[in-house]
Amino acid sequence: DNIYVFDTNFTADLTIIEEGNELLERLRRVLTGKKMLGPDHMETALPMITSCSPGWVTYCEKNYADLIPNVSSCKSPQQMAGSLIKHFWSKRHGYEPANVISISVMPCVAKKQEA
């Protein structure tokens, strides 16, 4: 049995890149009416609000449901890390994804909502 340790700095950067791409696509669709990326039903509400904090997303859902369309559809850094570990890293290193367990130790208690 092997144990590997990863951090979420890289996936935090991926989240920022993905949110930037999503914002550009929302702006493109609003300003030109043309679609370049993403699904046809992609949200175009502006301003776009980050989705990287599960605490913020829950707060928004409970207290400002009218802003839900503004929340980015991107995964949080923790969710991206889990997905990359399970589906990319495991295959690259010869592990069956079903046999890979990703455990997060995070300072924010709201992160357990993402489990």
N, C-alpha and C. Protein backbone atom coordinates (compact mmCIF):
# COMPACT_ATOMS: atom_id res chain seq x y z
N ASP A 1 0.84 -1.19 0.00
CA ASP A 1 0.00 0.00 0.00
C ASP A 1 0.88 1.25 0.00
N ASN A 2 0.57 2.15 -0.89
CA ASN A 2 1.33 3.39 -1.00
C ASN A 2 0.48 4.57 -0.56
N ILE A 3 1.15 5.57 -0.01
CA ILE A 3 0.48 6.80 0.40
C ILE A 3 1.16 7.95 -0.33
N TYR A 4 0.38 8.80 -0.95
CA TYR A 4 0.88 9.97 -1.65
C TYR A 4 0.22 11.20 -1.06
N VAL A 5 0.93 12.30 -1.04
CA VAL A 5 0.39 13.54 -0.49
C VAL A 5 0.40 14.59 -1.59
N PHE A 6 -0.74 15.24 -1.78
CA PHE A 6 -0.89 16.30 -2.77
C PHE A 6 -1.38 17.56 -2.06
N ASP A 7 -1.19 18.71 -2.67
CA ASP A 7 -1.83 19.91 -2.13
C ASP A 7 -2.76 20.49 -3.19
N THR A 8 -3.52 21.47 -2.82
CA THR A 8 -4.51 22.01 -3.75
C THR A 8 -4.06 23.31 -4.42
N ASN A 9 -2.78 23.67 -4.29
CA ASN A 9 -2.32 24.89 -4.96
C ASN A 9 -2.49 24.82 -6.47
N PHE A 10 -2.10 23.69 -7.05
CA PHE A 10 -2.22 23.52 -8.50
C PHE A 10 -3.68 23.56 -8.93
N THR A 11 -4.54 22.85 -8.20
CA THR A 11 -5.95 22.83 -8.60
C THR A 11 -6.64 24.15 -8.30
N ALA A 12 -6.13 24.92 -7.35
CA ALA A 12 -6.65 26.28 -7.14
C ALA A 12 -6.37 27.12 -8.39
N ASP A 13 -5.18 26.95 -8.96
CA ASP A 13 -4.86 27.65 -10.20
C ASP A 13 -5.77 27.18 -11.34
N LEU A 14 -6.04 25.88 -11.40
CA LEU A 14 -6.94 25.37 -12.43
C LEU A 14 -8.35 25.97 -12.28
N THR A 15 -8.81 26.09 -11.04
CA THR A 15 -10.12 26.69 -10.80
C THR A 15 -10.15 28.13 -11.30
N ILE A 16 -9.10 28.88 -11.03
CA ILE A 16 -9.04 30.27 -11.49
C ILE A 16 -9.06 30.33 -13.02
N ILE A 17 -8.30 29.45 -13.66
CA ILE A 17 -8.27 29.42 -15.13
C ILE A 17 -9.66 29.07 -15.68
N GLU A 18 -10.28 28.05 -15.11
CA GLU A 18 -11.61 27.64 -15.57
C GLU A 18 -12.65 28.74 -15.34
N GLU A 19 -12.60 29.38 -14.18
CA GLU A 19 -13.55 30.47 -13.92
C GLU A 19 -13.30 31.63 -14.88
N GLY A 20 -12.04 31.91 -15.20
CA GLY A 20 -11.73 32.95 -16.17
C GLY A 20 -12.31 32.62 -17.55
N ASN A 21 -12.14 31.36 -17.97
CA ASN A 21 -12.71 30.93 -19.25
C ASN A 21 -14.23 31.01 -19.25
N GLU A 22 -14.83 30.62 -18.12
CA GLU A 22 -16.29 30.69 -18.03
C GLU A 22 -16.76 32.14 -18.10
N LEU A 23 -16.08 33.03 -17.42
CA LEU A 23 -16.45 34.45 -17.46
C LEU A 23 -16.33 34.99 -18.88
N LEU A 24 -15.23 34.68 -19.56
CA LEU A 24 -15.06 35.15 -20.94
C LEU A 24 -16.17 34.63 -21.84
N GLU A 25 -16.55 33.36 -21.65
CA GLU A 25 -17.63 32.79 -22.47
C GLU A 25 -18.97 33.45 -22.14
N ARG A 26 -19.22 33.72 -20.86
CA ARG A 26 -20.47 34.42 -20.51
C ARG A 26 -20.51 35.80 -21.16
N LEU A 27 -19.40 36.52 -21.07
CA LEU A 27 -19.33 37.85 -21.69
C LEU A 27 -19.52 37.75 -23.20
N ARG A 28 -18.86 36.78 -23.84
CA ARG A 28 -18.99 36.60 -25.28
C ARG A 28 -20.44 36.37 -25.66
N ARG A 29 -21.12 35.51 -24.92
CA ARG A 29 -22.51 35.19 -25.25
C ARG A 29 -23.44 36.39 -25.03
N VAL A 30 -23.17 37.15 -23.95
CA VAL A 30 -24.02 38.31 -23.67
C VAL A 30 -23.78 39.42 -24.70
N LEU A 31 -22.52 39.68 -25.04
CA LEU A 31 -22.19 40.80 -25.91
C LEU A 31 -22.35 40.50 -27.39
N THR A 32 -22.14 39.25 -27.81
CA THR A 32 -22.20 38.94 -29.24
C THR A 32 -23.29 37.94 -29.59
N GLY A 33 -23.80 37.22 -28.59
CA GLY A 33 -24.80 36.20 -28.86
C GLY A 33 -24.22 34.93 -29.45
N LYS A 34 -22.89 34.85 -29.53
CA LYS A 34 -22.24 33.68 -30.13
C LYS A 34 -21.67 32.76 -29.06
N LYS A 35 -21.77 31.46 -29.33
CA LYS A 35 -21.25 30.45 -28.42
C LYS A 35 -19.93 29.92 -28.98
N MET A 36 -18.90 29.85 -28.13
CA MET A 36 -17.64 29.23 -28.53
C MET A 36 -17.36 27.99 -27.70
N LEU A 37 -17.64 28.05 -26.41
CA LEU A 37 -17.30 26.97 -25.49
C LEU A 37 -18.52 26.58 -24.68
N GLY A 38 -18.46 25.41 -24.08
CA GLY A 38 -19.47 25.02 -23.11
C GLY A 38 -20.78 24.58 -23.72
N PRO A 39 -21.68 24.13 -22.86
CA PRO A 39 -22.98 23.64 -23.32
C PRO A 39 -23.87 24.78 -23.80
N ASP A 40 -24.85 24.43 -24.61
CA ASP A 40 -25.79 25.45 -25.11
C ASP A 40 -26.56 26.13 -23.99
N HIS A 41 -26.84 25.40 -22.92
CA HIS A 41 -27.63 25.92 -21.82
C HIS A 41 -26.79 26.64 -20.75
N MET A 42 -25.54 26.95 -21.06
CA MET A 42 -24.65 27.58 -20.10
C MET A 42 -25.24 28.90 -19.58
N GLU A 43 -25.11 29.11 -18.29
CA GLU A 43 -25.61 30.31 -17.65
C GLU A 43 -24.85 31.53 -18.18
N THR A 44 -25.56 32.66 -18.33
CA THR A 44 -24.90 33.88 -18.80
C THR A 44 -25.10 35.04 -17.83
N ALA A 45 -25.61 34.78 -16.64
CA ALA A 45 -25.85 35.85 -15.67
C ALA A 45 -24.54 36.53 -15.28
N LEU A 46 -24.60 37.84 -15.18
CA LEU A 46 -23.44 38.64 -14.77
C LEU A 46 -23.86 39.53 -13.61
N PRO A 47 -22.97 39.87 -12.70
CA PRO A 47 -21.59 39.44 -12.63
C PRO A 47 -21.51 37.98 -12.21
N MET A 48 -20.44 37.33 -12.64
CA MET A 48 -20.22 35.94 -12.25
C MET A 48 -19.53 35.93 -10.89
N ILE A 49 -19.98 35.05 -10.02
CA ILE A 49 -19.45 34.95 -8.66
C ILE A 49 -18.72 33.62 -8.51
N THR A 50 -17.60 33.62 -7.83
CA THR A 50 -16.81 32.40 -7.68
C THR A 50 -17.59 31.31 -6.93
N SER A 51 -17.24 30.08 -7.24
CA SER A 51 -17.87 28.93 -6.59
C SER A 51 -16.85 28.12 -5.81
N CYS A 52 -15.68 28.69 -5.54
CA CYS A 52 -14.61 27.89 -4.93
C CYS A 52 -14.80 27.65 -3.43
N SER A 53 -15.73 28.33 -2.80
CA SER A 53 -15.98 28.13 -1.38
C SER A 53 -17.34 27.49 -1.16
N PRO A 54 -17.37 26.26 -0.64
CA PRO A 54 -18.68 25.63 -0.40
C PRO A 54 -19.49 26.39 0.65
N GLY A 55 -18.81 27.05 1.59
CA GLY A 55 -19.53 27.86 2.57
C GLY A 55 -20.27 29.01 1.91
N TRP A 56 -19.60 29.68 0.97
CA TRP A 56 -20.22 30.79 0.25
C TRP A 56 -21.37 30.29 -0.61
N VAL A 57 -21.18 29.18 -1.31
CA VAL A 57 -22.23 28.64 -2.18
C VAL A 57 -23.47 28.29 -1.35
N THR A 58 -23.28 27.64 -0.21
CA THR A 58 -24.41 27.30 0.67
C THR A 58 -25.10 28.55 1.18
N TYR A 59 -24.32 29.55 1.59
CA TYR A 59 -24.88 30.83 2.05
C TYR A 59 -25.72 31.46 0.95
N CYS A 60 -25.19 31.46 -0.25
CA CYS A 60 -25.91 32.03 -1.39
C CYS A 60 -27.21 31.27 -1.64
N GLU A 61 -27.13 29.94 -1.64
CA GLU A 61 -28.32 29.12 -1.89
C GLU A 61 -29.40 29.37 -0.85
N LYS A 62 -29.01 29.53 0.41
CA LYS A 62 -29.99 29.70 1.49
C LYS A 62 -30.51 31.12 1.62
N ASN A 63 -29.68 32.12 1.30
CA ASN A 63 -30.05 33.50 1.57
C ASN A 63 -30.25 34.37 0.34
N TYR A 64 -29.67 33.98 -0.78
CA TYR A 64 -29.77 34.79 -1.99
C TYR A 64 -29.99 33.89 -3.20
N ALA A 65 -31.05 33.11 -3.17
CA ALA A 65 -31.32 32.14 -4.23
C ALA A 65 -31.39 32.80 -5.61
N ASP A 66 -31.75 34.08 -5.64
CA ASP A 66 -31.82 34.78 -6.92
C ASP A 66 -30.44 34.97 -7.56
N LEU A 67 -29.36 34.81 -6.78
CA LEU A 67 -28.01 34.95 -7.31
C LEU A 67 -27.39 33.64 -7.78
N ILE A 68 -28.08 32.53 -7.59
CA ILE A 68 -27.54 31.23 -7.98
C ILE A 68 -27.11 31.21 -9.46
N PRO A 69 -27.87 31.82 -10.38
CA PRO A 69 -27.41 31.83 -11.77
C PRO A 69 -26.07 32.54 -11.97
N ASN A 70 -25.71 33.41 -11.04
CA ASN A 70 -24.44 34.14 -11.14
C ASN A 70 -23.24 33.33 -10.66
N VAL A 71 -23.50 32.26 -9.91
CA VAL A 71 -22.41 31.46 -9.35
C VAL A 71 -21.78 30.61 -10.45
N SER A 72 -20.47 30.62 -10.49
CA SER A 72 -19.72 29.85 -11.48
C SER A 72 -20.07 28.37 -11.39
N SER A 73 -20.00 27.70 -12.52
CA SER A 73 -20.26 26.26 -12.54
C SER A 73 -18.99 25.45 -12.28
N CYS A 74 -17.85 26.11 -12.07
CA CYS A 74 -16.57 25.42 -11.89
C CYS A 74 -16.51 24.68 -10.55
N LYS A 75 -15.74 23.62 -10.56
CA LYS A 75 -15.50 22.88 -9.32
C LYS A 75 -14.57 23.68 -8.43
N SER A 76 -14.65 23.41 -7.14
CA SER A 76 -13.73 24.03 -6.19
C SER A 76 -12.36 23.38 -6.34
N PRO A 77 -11.30 24.00 -5.81
CA PRO A 77 -9.98 23.37 -5.87
C PRO A 77 -9.96 21.97 -5.26
N GLN A 78 -10.68 21.77 -4.18
CA GLN A 78 -10.72 20.44 -3.55
C GLN A 78 -11.40 19.44 -4.48
N GLN A 79 -12.50 19.83 -5.09
CA GLN A 79 -13.20 18.93 -6.02
C GLN A 79 -12.33 18.62 -7.24
N MET A 80 -11.63 19.64 -7.74
CA MET A 80 -10.74 19.40 -8.88
C MET A 80 -9.61 18.46 -8.52
N ALA A 81 -9.05 18.63 -7.32
CA ALA A 81 -7.97 17.75 -6.89
C ALA A 81 -8.46 16.31 -6.82
N GLY A 82 -9.60 16.09 -6.21
CA GLY A 82 -10.16 14.74 -6.11
C GLY A 82 -10.39 14.12 -7.48
N SER A 83 -10.92 14.91 -8.39
CA SER A 83 -11.20 14.42 -9.73
C SER A 83 -9.92 14.08 -10.48
N LEU A 84 -8.92 14.96 -10.40
CA LEU A 84 -7.64 14.70 -11.07
C LEU A 84 -6.93 13.49 -10.49
N ILE A 85 -6.95 13.37 -9.17
CA ILE A 85 -6.30 12.22 -8.53
C ILE A 85 -6.98 10.92 -8.95
N LYS A 86 -8.29 10.93 -8.90
CA LYS A 86 -9.06 9.72 -9.18
C LYS A 86 -9.01 9.31 -10.65
N HIS A 87 -9.11 10.28 -11.55
CA HIS A 87 -9.29 9.95 -12.96
C HIS A 87 -8.06 10.16 -13.84
N PHE A 88 -7.12 10.98 -13.45
CA PHE A 88 -5.93 11.20 -14.27
C PHE A 88 -4.71 10.57 -13.63
N TRP A 89 -4.42 10.98 -12.41
CA TRP A 89 -3.22 10.49 -11.73
C TRP A 89 -3.24 8.98 -11.56
N SER A 90 -4.39 8.43 -11.13
CA SER A 90 -4.46 6.99 -10.87
C SER A 90 -4.15 6.18 -12.13
N LYS A 91 -4.72 6.58 -13.25
CA LYS A 91 -4.48 5.85 -14.50
C LYS A 91 -3.04 6.01 -14.95
N ARG A 92 -2.50 7.18 -14.79
CA ARG A 92 -1.12 7.44 -15.21
C ARG A 92 -0.12 6.61 -14.40
N HIS A 93 -0.47 6.29 -13.17
CA HIS A 93 0.43 5.53 -12.30
C HIS A 93 0.00 4.07 -12.13
N GLY A 94 -0.94 3.62 -12.94
CA GLY A 94 -1.30 2.21 -12.96
C GLY A 94 -2.23 1.75 -11.86
N TYR A 95 -2.97 2.66 -11.27
CA TYR A 95 -3.94 2.29 -10.23
C TYR A 95 -5.35 2.33 -10.81
N GLU A 96 -6.16 1.41 -10.37
CA GLU A 96 -7.57 1.43 -10.74
C GLU A 96 -8.24 2.58 -9.99
N PRO A 97 -8.96 3.47 -10.68
CA PRO A 97 -9.62 4.59 -9.98
C PRO A 97 -10.49 4.14 -8.82
N ALA A 98 -11.13 2.98 -8.95
CA ALA A 98 -11.99 2.48 -7.88
C ALA A 98 -11.21 2.15 -6.61
N ASN A 99 -9.90 1.93 -6.75
CA ASN A 99 -9.07 1.60 -5.60
C ASN A 99 -8.32 2.79 -5.02
N VAL A 100 -8.56 3.97 -5.57
CA VAL A 100 -7.88 5.18 -5.11
C VAL A 100 -8.82 5.96 -4.20
N ILE A 101 -8.33 6.32 -3.04
CA ILE A 101 -9.11 7.10 -2.07
C ILE A 101 -8.41 8.44 -1.89
N SER A 102 -9.16 9.49 -2.01
CA SER A 102 -8.63 10.84 -1.82
C SER A 102 -9.21 11.40 -0.53
N ILE A 103 -8.34 11.79 0.38
CA ILE A 103 -8.75 12.35 1.67
C ILE A 103 -8.21 13.77 1.76
N SER A 104 -9.05 14.70 2.16
CA SER A 104 -8.62 16.10 2.27
C SER A 104 -8.54 16.52 3.73
N VAL A 105 -7.48 17.21 4.06
CA VAL A 105 -7.34 17.83 5.37
C VAL A 105 -7.32 19.33 5.09
N MET A 106 -8.41 20.00 5.45
CA MET A 106 -8.58 21.40 5.09
C MET A 106 -8.94 22.22 6.34
N PRO A 107 -8.59 23.50 6.35
CA PRO A 107 -8.88 24.32 7.52
C PRO A 107 -10.34 24.79 7.59
N CYS A 108 -11.09 24.67 6.53
CA CYS A 108 -12.48 25.15 6.49
C CYS A 108 -13.45 24.00 6.71
N VAL A 109 -14.28 24.10 7.73
CA VAL A 109 -15.21 23.01 8.03
C VAL A 109 -16.27 22.86 6.96
N ALA A 110 -16.51 23.90 6.17
CA ALA A 110 -17.51 23.81 5.11
C ALA A 110 -17.06 22.87 4.00
N LYS A 111 -15.79 22.56 3.92
CA LYS A 111 -15.28 21.67 2.87
C LYS A 111 -15.88 20.27 2.98
N LYS A 112 -16.31 19.88 4.19
CA LYS A 112 -16.88 18.54 4.32
C LYS A 112 -18.18 18.40 3.54
N GLN A 113 -18.80 19.53 3.15
CA GLN A 113 -20.00 19.47 2.33
C GLN A 113 -19.70 18.95 0.93
N GLU A 114 -18.44 19.03 0.54
CA GLU A 114 -18.05 18.59 -0.79
C GLU A 114 -17.73 17.10 -0.86
N ALA A 115 -17.69 16.44 0.27
CA ALA A 115 -17.28 15.03 0.31
C ALA A 115 -18.27 14.15 -0.42
